[in-house]
Amino acid sequence: MTHDFDTLVAEADDAPVDGWDFSWLDGRATEERPSWGYQRLMGQRLTTSSAALDIQTGGGEVLAGATRFPPTMAATESWPPNLAKATRLLGPRGVVVVAAADEPPLPFADDAFDLVLSRHPATVWWAEIARVLTPGGTYFAQHVGPATVFELVEFFLGPQPRNARRPEDESAAARAVGLEVVDLRSERLRMEFFDIGAVVYFLRKVIWTVPGFTVEKYRDRLQRLHRQIEAEGPFVAHSSRHLFEAQKRGR
C-alpha cells in the first residue's frame, strides 16, 4: 500500500497543471455537469455580440469552444502559464489575450463591451463589470457556488464557514451597481475521486480549495485519505454551480 501511495502521489505531483483542461483525471475522478450547458449558451451569445470580453479565461479552453467570435474579442488572464497557453490557443483566431490581475481595474475603457463572460471566476468585481459593459449589455457567467468540494476542504482543513458565494448575495451585489439579474439557476453536483493521485492533482490545479497545498505539508492527511479510498471506495464530494445572467440598465 505504501508503494501504491507513493507512486500515485508522485505521478500527480509531477503532472503539469497549467490551463483549465482536466483530462488528466479521466478515469480517476468524475464530476457531474450542470444541465444548462454553459459553453453552448456562451457560444450562442457570442454570435450576436459585436464586442465581447472573457474575464479570467484560464488557458482559453472554454472560450475556444465557440464556433464564432464577434469582431472585437478580448480575454484576460493573470497566471503566466495560463496566459501563454490562452495566447497560443486563441491568438490565431483573432482573440486579444491581455495580462490582467484578478482585481480592479480591468484594462479597458468604459462601455467597451456589449457582452462580458466568465466561467468560474475566482473573484467577481461587479463595479468593474458594470463599468466596461455598454448600456443594455449582458454579463453571462457560470459561477462556483457555496460549499463547493467542502467534503474535501474540510477533510484537510476542518470545519469551514459555508456562507460565501451564495447566489442571493451575488444578485444583490450585481443590482447595487446597476445590473438587472435576468436569469439565475443553481445546481448541486456529485463528484467522485477514485484514487489519491486524483485528489493531489485536483488540489494542485484548483489552488483555492486548500490554500497553500503541497504534498509534503499534507502527507499525513493524504495517507489517511488513501487508506479510506482503498477500504471504502471513491471519496464523494459535491460542487455547486450557478448560471448568472445580468443586464446593464440604461439602454
Protein backbone atom coordinates (compact mmCIF):
# COMPACT_ATOMS: atom_id res chain seq x y z
CA MET A 1 0.00 0.00 0.00
CA THR A 2 2.85 2.38 0.81
CA HIS A 3 4.37 1.83 -2.65
CA ASP A 4 0.99 2.41 -4.31
CA PHE A 5 0.51 5.60 -2.32
CA ASP A 6 3.96 6.95 -3.15
CA THR A 7 3.58 6.11 -6.85
CA LEU A 8 0.15 7.69 -7.17
CA VAL A 9 1.16 10.83 -5.30
CA ALA A 10 4.45 11.28 -7.16
CA GLU A 11 2.73 10.90 -10.53
CA ALA A 12 0.11 13.51 -9.65
CA ASP A 13 2.66 15.85 -8.11
CA ASP A 14 4.69 15.84 -11.34
CA ALA A 15 1.76 16.34 -13.72
CA PRO A 16 1.51 19.80 -15.38
CA VAL A 17 -1.43 21.85 -14.10
CA ASP A 18 -1.43 24.84 -16.45
CA GLY A 19 -4.62 25.65 -18.33
CA TRP A 20 -8.12 24.55 -17.43
CA ASP A 21 -8.11 21.09 -19.03
CA PHE A 22 -8.94 18.29 -16.59
CA SER A 23 -8.40 15.38 -18.98
CA TRP A 24 -5.60 14.06 -16.74
CA LEU A 25 -8.38 12.99 -14.37
CA ASP A 26 -10.19 10.84 -16.97
CA GLY A 27 -10.89 7.50 -15.32
CA ARG A 28 -9.63 8.79 -11.98
CA ALA A 29 -12.34 11.26 -10.98
CA THR A 30 -15.78 12.34 -12.17
CA GLU A 31 -17.92 15.43 -11.79
CA GLU A 32 -21.50 15.91 -12.90
CA ARG A 33 -22.01 18.78 -15.30
CA PRO A 34 -24.75 21.41 -14.91
CA SER A 35 -27.80 20.72 -17.04
CA TRP A 36 -27.79 24.10 -18.80
CA GLY A 37 -24.55 23.65 -20.81
CA TYR A 38 -22.63 26.88 -20.26
CA GLN A 39 -20.29 26.56 -23.24
CA ARG A 40 -23.17 26.06 -25.69
CA LEU A 41 -25.10 29.04 -24.30
CA MET A 42 -21.94 31.15 -24.33
CA GLY A 43 -21.40 30.32 -27.99
CA GLN A 44 -24.94 31.37 -28.85
CA ARG A 45 -24.49 34.76 -27.22
CA LEU A 46 -21.19 35.37 -28.98
CA THR A 47 -22.89 35.06 -32.38
CA THR A 48 -25.00 38.17 -31.69
CA SER A 49 -22.31 40.26 -29.95
CA SER A 50 -20.23 43.00 -31.57
CA ALA A 51 -17.62 43.27 -28.79
CA ALA A 52 -17.07 40.69 -26.04
CA LEU A 53 -14.72 40.11 -23.13
CA ASP A 54 -13.95 36.84 -21.32
CA ILE A 55 -12.65 37.51 -17.80
CA GLN A 56 -10.21 35.04 -16.18
CA THR A 57 -10.13 32.85 -19.27
CA GLY A 58 -7.66 30.34 -17.81
CA GLY A 59 -5.95 28.55 -20.68
CA GLY A 60 -8.72 29.67 -23.02
CA GLU A 61 -10.15 26.19 -23.44
CA VAL A 62 -13.77 27.11 -22.69
CA LEU A 63 -13.80 30.21 -24.87
CA ALA A 64 -12.13 28.27 -27.69
CA GLY A 65 -15.19 26.03 -27.82
CA ALA A 66 -17.14 28.83 -29.51
CA THR A 67 -17.52 28.44 -33.26
CA ARG A 68 -17.68 32.18 -33.94
CA PHE A 69 -16.32 35.31 -32.29
CA PRO A 70 -17.54 38.91 -32.64
CA PRO A 71 -15.42 41.49 -34.50
CA THR A 72 -13.88 42.56 -31.18
CA MET A 73 -13.00 39.68 -28.83
CA ALA A 74 -10.72 40.02 -25.80
CA ALA A 75 -9.84 37.82 -22.84
CA THR A 76 -7.96 38.42 -19.59
CA GLU A 77 -5.81 36.09 -17.51
CA SER A 78 -3.45 36.63 -14.58
CA TRP A 79 -1.40 33.42 -14.22
CA PRO A 80 1.56 33.41 -16.66
CA PRO A 81 1.39 29.71 -17.67
CA ASN A 82 -2.32 30.08 -18.44
CA LEU A 83 -1.69 33.38 -20.21
CA ALA A 84 0.80 31.74 -22.55
CA LYS A 85 -1.50 28.81 -23.22
CA ALA A 86 -4.51 31.04 -23.91
CA THR A 87 -2.48 33.20 -26.27
CA ARG A 88 -1.36 30.17 -28.27
CA LEU A 89 -4.89 28.79 -28.40
CA LEU A 90 -6.90 31.96 -29.00
CA GLY A 91 -4.49 34.32 -30.72
CA PRO A 92 -4.68 32.61 -34.13
CA ARG A 93 -8.46 33.09 -34.01
CA GLY A 94 -8.17 36.85 -33.54
CA VAL A 95 -8.74 36.99 -29.78
CA VAL A 96 -6.62 39.58 -27.94
CA VAL A 97 -5.42 37.95 -24.71
CA VAL A 98 -4.46 40.52 -22.07
CA ALA A 99 -2.42 40.02 -18.91
CA ALA A 100 -4.53 41.43 -16.08
CA ALA A 101 -4.63 40.89 -12.34
CA ASP A 102 -7.76 39.34 -10.84
CA GLU A 103 -8.63 42.66 -9.21
CA PRO A 104 -9.68 46.11 -10.40
CA PRO A 105 -9.29 47.84 -12.67
CA LEU A 106 -9.96 45.94 -15.87
CA PRO A 107 -7.63 47.37 -18.55
CA PHE A 108 -10.47 48.56 -20.79
CA ALA A 109 -12.45 51.75 -21.31
CA ASP A 110 -15.95 52.41 -20.02
CA ASP A 111 -18.79 50.96 -22.14
CA ALA A 112 -16.36 48.87 -24.20
CA PHE A 113 -18.25 45.56 -24.49
CA ASP A 114 -21.83 44.51 -25.08
CA LEU A 115 -21.06 41.04 -23.66
CA VAL A 116 -18.85 40.10 -20.70
CA LEU A 117 -18.28 36.41 -19.99
CA SER A 118 -16.64 34.43 -17.22
CA ARG A 119 -16.58 30.77 -16.25
CA HIS A 120 -15.65 30.07 -12.64
CA PRO A 121 -14.09 33.45 -11.80
CA ALA A 122 -12.07 33.36 -8.60
CA THR A 123 -13.35 36.82 -7.76
CA VAL A 124 -16.17 38.91 -9.21
CA TRP A 125 -15.70 42.69 -9.28
CA TRP A 126 -19.22 43.82 -10.06
CA ALA A 127 -18.48 47.53 -10.39
CA GLU A 128 -15.80 46.83 -12.99
CA ILE A 129 -18.10 44.53 -14.95
CA ALA A 130 -20.77 47.22 -14.98
CA ARG A 131 -18.23 49.87 -15.99
CA VAL A 132 -16.96 48.07 -19.10
CA LEU A 133 -20.43 46.97 -20.25
CA THR A 134 -22.36 49.12 -22.70
CA PRO A 135 -25.82 50.22 -21.56
CA GLY A 136 -28.07 47.24 -22.27
CA GLY A 137 -25.02 44.95 -22.36
CA THR A 138 -25.01 41.49 -20.75
CA TYR A 139 -22.88 39.71 -18.18
CA PHE A 140 -23.15 35.95 -18.73
CA ALA A 141 -21.24 33.58 -16.48
CA GLN A 142 -21.08 30.31 -14.63
CA HIS A 143 -20.01 30.82 -11.02
CA VAL A 144 -18.75 28.41 -8.41
CA GLY A 145 -21.40 28.28 -5.72
CA PRO A 146 -21.29 27.91 -1.93
CA ALA A 147 -19.67 24.97 -0.12
CA THR A 148 -18.10 23.58 -3.30
CA VAL A 149 -16.00 20.46 -2.64
CA PHE A 150 -16.35 21.16 1.07
CA GLU A 151 -16.16 17.47 1.89
CA LEU A 152 -12.60 17.61 0.59
CA VAL A 153 -11.85 21.07 2.02
CA GLU A 154 -12.94 20.05 5.50
CA PHE A 155 -11.10 16.72 5.34
CA PHE A 156 -7.87 18.74 5.14
CA LEU A 157 -8.76 21.95 6.97
CA GLY A 158 -11.54 21.05 9.40
CA PRO A 159 -14.91 22.88 9.62
CA GLN A 160 -15.17 25.99 7.46
CA PRO A 161 -17.79 28.75 7.06
CA ARG A 162 -20.24 27.91 4.29
CA ASN A 163 -21.89 31.22 3.51
CA ALA A 164 -19.55 32.52 0.78
CA ARG A 165 -20.54 32.70 -2.90
CA ARG A 166 -24.27 32.50 -2.22
CA PRO A 167 -26.21 33.38 -5.38
CA GLU A 168 -28.60 35.65 -3.48
CA ASP A 169 -25.64 37.70 -2.22
CA GLU A 170 -24.14 37.94 -5.70
CA SER A 171 -27.51 39.02 -7.09
CA ALA A 172 -27.69 41.82 -4.53
CA ALA A 173 -24.15 42.92 -5.39
CA ALA A 174 -24.99 42.97 -9.09
CA ARG A 175 -28.11 45.05 -8.54
CA ALA A 176 -26.17 47.50 -6.40
CA VAL A 177 -24.02 48.53 -9.39
CA GLY A 178 -26.89 48.86 -11.85
CA LEU A 179 -27.20 45.36 -13.26
CA GLU A 180 -30.58 43.67 -13.59
CA VAL A 181 -30.48 39.92 -12.95
CA VAL A 182 -32.48 38.28 -15.75
CA ASP A 183 -31.56 34.63 -15.15
CA LEU A 184 -30.17 32.74 -12.16
CA ARG A 185 -30.04 28.93 -11.91
CA SER A 186 -28.29 26.77 -9.31
CA GLU A 187 -27.40 23.08 -9.12
CA ARG A 188 -25.56 20.84 -6.66
CA LEU A 189 -23.47 18.19 -8.44
CA ARG A 190 -21.77 14.96 -7.39
CA MET A 191 -18.01 14.47 -7.59
CA GLU A 192 -16.03 11.25 -7.05
CA PHE A 193 -12.27 10.76 -6.57
CA PHE A 194 -11.17 7.20 -7.28
CA ASP A 195 -7.56 7.40 -6.08
CA ILE A 196 -5.31 9.66 -4.05
CA GLY A 197 -3.48 10.83 -7.17
CA ALA A 198 -6.71 12.40 -8.42
CA VAL A 199 -7.03 14.28 -5.14
CA VAL A 200 -3.47 15.57 -5.31
CA TYR A 201 -3.86 16.71 -8.92
CA PHE A 202 -7.15 18.46 -8.18
CA LEU A 203 -5.75 20.31 -5.16
CA ARG A 204 -2.67 21.41 -7.13
CA LYS A 205 -4.81 22.68 -10.00
CA VAL A 206 -7.72 24.26 -8.12
CA ILE A 207 -5.44 26.11 -5.76
CA TRP A 208 -8.12 27.89 -3.72
CA THR A 209 -9.61 24.59 -2.50
CA VAL A 210 -6.88 24.06 0.11
CA PRO A 211 -4.74 27.23 0.01
CA GLY A 212 -1.03 26.53 0.20
CA PHE A 213 -1.47 22.83 -0.52
CA THR A 214 1.66 20.75 -1.01
CA VAL A 215 2.14 17.02 -0.77
CA GLU A 216 4.73 17.34 1.97
CA LYS A 217 2.60 19.67 4.07
CA TYR A 218 -0.41 17.34 3.97
CA ARG A 219 1.26 13.94 3.59
CA ASP A 220 -0.30 12.51 6.77
CA ARG A 221 -3.81 13.52 5.71
CA LEU A 222 -3.20 12.22 2.21
CA GLN A 223 -2.09 8.84 3.58
CA ARG A 224 -5.22 8.67 5.73
CA LEU A 225 -7.43 9.53 2.74
CA HIS A 226 -5.62 6.96 0.59
CA ARG A 227 -6.41 4.25 3.15
CA GLN A 228 -10.03 5.40 3.28
CA ILE A 229 -10.45 5.23 -0.50
CA GLU A 230 -8.78 1.79 -0.62
CA ALA A 231 -11.12 0.49 2.09
CA GLU A 232 -14.40 2.25 1.25
CA GLY A 233 -14.26 3.22 -2.42
CA PRO A 234 -14.35 6.65 -4.09
CA PHE A 235 -14.27 9.79 -2.00
CA VAL A 236 -17.54 11.63 -2.69
CA ALA A 237 -17.84 15.42 -2.69
CA HIS A 238 -20.25 17.90 -4.23
CA SER A 239 -19.82 21.07 -6.26
CA SER A 240 -22.22 23.99 -6.51
CA ARG A 241 -22.66 25.91 -9.74
CA HIS A 242 -24.91 28.77 -10.71
CA LEU A 243 -25.64 30.27 -14.08
CA PHE A 244 -25.76 34.03 -13.92
CA GLU A 245 -27.09 36.46 -16.50
CA ALA A 246 -27.43 40.17 -15.80
CA GLN A 247 -28.08 43.19 -18.00
CA LYS A 248 -26.77 46.71 -17.52
CA ARG A 249 -29.59 49.18 -17.18
CA GLY A 250 -29.87 52.31 -19.28
CA ARG A 251 -30.02 51.17 -22.87
